Amino acid sequence: MRIQYFNTSQWGIQAKKFNPLFRKISLRLGAPKGLISVIFVTDEIIHGLNLTTRRIDQPTDVLSYEYTHQPKNDLDLLGEIYISIDTVRRHAFENHRPFKNELHWVMVHGILHLYGYDHETDEDDEDMRKIECDILDQKICS
């Protein structure tokens, strides 16, 4: 798995600080292949994407778009993850969590979607949450 980031400097985000998180994700998922683009955006941009692609008229924290179901190598674009820094900050404040923890959770959540995980049923939601908690050392589960 290879990650490329967009708009990090606009938000003061240091991409290299995510390296330990991505090593954990890669280990947990069995070293999957694929290039993932992570794009940090505003509520306004993610609201437009959410409305256009999901017909939901509100911002959200993360949207994932899968392009290649089974990438052959780390140069094949698996998909894109859009993260609204505005919503992540708001959720962190509302849930009394550090911004970093909330940001890590939405990144893990978005990546899991790209690798086929979802939360359409209660059972799927429970399975996805367990993997998120394993990767994040239970930080989001308490």
Protein backbone atom coordinates (compact mmCIF):
# COMPACT_ATOMS: atom_id res chain seq x y z
CA MET A 1 0.00 0.00 0.00
CA ARG A 2 1.30 3.41 -0.94
CA ILE A 3 -0.28 6.69 0.14
CA GLN A 4 -0.07 10.07 -1.56
CA TYR A 5 -1.41 13.19 0.11
CA PHE A 6 -2.93 16.39 -1.23
CA ASN A 7 -3.53 19.72 0.53
CA THR A 8 -1.47 18.86 3.61
CA SER A 9 0.34 22.20 3.82
CA GLN A 10 -2.95 24.10 3.68
CA TRP A 11 -3.94 22.38 6.94
CA GLY A 12 -0.51 22.14 8.59
CA ILE A 13 -0.58 18.35 8.33
CA GLN A 14 2.73 16.49 8.32
CA ALA A 15 2.18 13.38 6.20
CA LYS A 16 5.21 11.51 7.58
CA LYS A 17 3.51 11.37 10.98
CA PHE A 18 0.99 8.93 9.47
CA ASN A 19 3.67 6.36 8.58
CA PRO A 20 3.30 4.30 11.79
CA LEU A 21 -0.47 4.22 11.30
CA PHE A 22 -0.15 2.95 7.74
CA ARG A 23 2.33 0.28 8.78
CA LYS A 24 -0.27 -0.98 11.28
CA ILE A 25 -3.02 -0.91 8.66
CA SER A 26 -0.83 -2.77 6.19
CA LEU A 27 0.04 -5.44 8.74
CA ARG A 28 -3.59 -5.86 9.83
CA LEU A 29 -4.82 -6.18 6.24
CA GLY A 30 -2.01 -8.49 5.09
CA ALA A 31 0.13 -5.96 3.18
CA PRO A 32 -2.40 -5.09 0.48
CA LYS A 33 -1.32 -3.50 -2.77
CA GLY A 34 -2.52 -0.26 -4.26
CA LEU A 35 -1.98 3.47 -4.39
CA ILE A 36 -4.32 5.57 -2.27
CA SER A 37 -4.77 9.30 -2.64
CA VAL A 38 -5.77 11.13 0.54
CA ILE A 39 -7.17 14.59 -0.13
CA PHE A 40 -7.81 16.99 2.74
CA VAL A 41 -10.71 19.35 2.00
CA THR A 42 -13.19 21.79 3.54
CA ASP A 43 -16.78 21.08 4.53
CA GLU A 44 -17.91 22.96 1.44
CA ILE A 45 -16.04 20.63 -0.91
CA ILE A 46 -17.01 17.40 0.84
CA HIS A 47 -20.63 18.58 1.04
CA GLY A 48 -20.67 18.96 -2.74
CA LEU A 49 -19.14 15.50 -3.22
CA ASN A 50 -21.59 13.94 -0.76
CA LEU A 51 -24.54 15.57 -2.53
CA THR A 52 -23.34 14.63 -6.01
CA THR A 53 -22.29 11.04 -5.33
CA ARG A 54 -24.55 9.95 -2.46
CA ARG A 55 -27.43 12.44 -2.68
CA ILE A 56 -26.88 13.42 0.96
CA ASP A 57 -27.18 17.18 1.43
CA GLN A 58 -24.67 17.71 4.23
CA PRO A 59 -20.95 17.48 4.86
CA THR A 60 -19.40 14.31 6.23
CA ASP A 61 -16.01 13.46 7.68
CA VAL A 62 -14.75 11.01 5.05
CA LEU A 63 -15.68 9.74 1.60
CA SER A 64 -13.94 6.86 -0.17
CA TYR A 65 -14.02 6.17 -3.88
CA GLU A 66 -12.63 2.83 -5.09
CA TYR A 67 -11.25 2.75 -8.64
CA THR A 68 -9.41 -0.58 -8.93
CA HIS A 69 -10.80 -3.56 -7.06
CA GLN A 70 -7.61 -5.64 -7.08
CA PRO A 71 -4.51 -3.55 -7.71
CA LYS A 72 -1.52 -5.53 -8.97
CA ASN A 73 1.08 -3.23 -7.43
CA ASP A 74 1.48 -0.01 -5.48
CA LEU A 75 1.29 2.09 -8.65
CA ASP A 76 -2.28 0.98 -9.46
CA LEU A 77 -4.65 3.60 -8.08
CA LEU A 78 -6.90 1.77 -5.64
CA GLY A 79 -8.91 4.88 -4.87
CA GLU A 80 -9.26 8.26 -3.25
CA ILE A 81 -10.18 9.29 0.24
CA TYR A 82 -11.54 12.77 0.85
CA ILE A 83 -11.34 13.99 4.44
CA SER A 84 -13.04 17.15 5.66
CA ILE A 85 -10.72 18.70 8.20
CA ASP A 86 -13.60 20.99 9.27
CA THR A 87 -15.82 18.02 10.17
CA VAL A 88 -12.98 16.06 11.78
CA ARG A 89 -12.21 19.06 14.02
CA ARG A 90 -15.87 19.46 14.90
CA HIS A 91 -16.32 15.76 15.69
CA ALA A 92 -13.15 15.73 17.79
CA PHE A 93 -14.46 18.66 19.82
CA GLU A 94 -17.98 17.19 20.17
CA ASN A 95 -16.65 13.77 21.20
CA HIS A 96 -13.93 15.15 23.53
CA ARG A 97 -11.19 13.42 21.55
CA PRO A 98 -7.85 14.76 20.40
CA PHE A 99 -7.93 15.92 16.78
CA LYS A 100 -5.13 13.48 15.92
CA ASN A 101 -7.17 10.49 17.15
CA GLU A 102 -10.23 11.58 15.18
CA LEU A 103 -8.15 12.12 12.05
CA HIS A 104 -6.53 8.70 12.39
CA TRP A 105 -9.94 7.09 12.80
CA VAL A 106 -11.36 8.61 9.61
CA MET A 107 -8.22 7.64 7.69
CA VAL A 108 -8.47 4.03 8.84
CA HIS A 109 -12.22 4.04 8.18
CA GLY A 110 -11.73 5.39 4.65
CA ILE A 111 -8.98 2.89 3.83
CA LEU A 112 -11.06 -0.02 5.06
CA HIS A 113 -13.83 1.05 2.68
CA LEU A 114 -11.34 0.95 -0.21
CA TYR A 115 -10.42 -2.62 0.71
CA GLY A 116 -14.04 -3.78 0.68
CA TYR A 117 -15.22 -3.26 4.25
CA ASP A 118 -18.53 -1.53 4.90
CA HIS A 119 -21.10 -0.97 7.62
CA GLU A 120 -24.36 -1.60 5.77
CA THR A 121 -25.51 -4.18 8.32
CA ASP A 122 -25.06 -4.34 12.09
CA GLU A 123 -22.75 -7.33 11.67
CA ASP A 124 -20.61 -5.55 9.06
CA ASP A 125 -20.50 -2.45 11.27
CA GLU A 126 -19.33 -4.53 14.23
CA ASP A 127 -16.65 -6.26 12.13
CA MET A 128 -15.40 -2.96 10.72
CA ARG A 129 -15.34 -1.34 14.16
CA LYS A 130 -13.34 -4.26 15.57
CA ILE A 131 -10.68 -3.86 12.86
CA GLU A 132 -10.58 -0.09 13.44
CA CYS A 133 -10.14 -0.64 17.17
CA ASP A 134 -7.39 -3.23 16.60
CA ILE A 135 -5.46 -0.85 14.34
CA LEU A 136 -5.95 2.19 16.59
CA ASP A 137 -5.13 0.38 19.86
CA GLN A 138 -8.66 0.83 21.16
CA LYS A 139 -8.32 4.66 21.27
CA ILE A 140 -11.70 5.17 19.58
CA CYS A 141 -13.50 2.37 21.37
CA SER A 142 -13.66 3.70 24.87
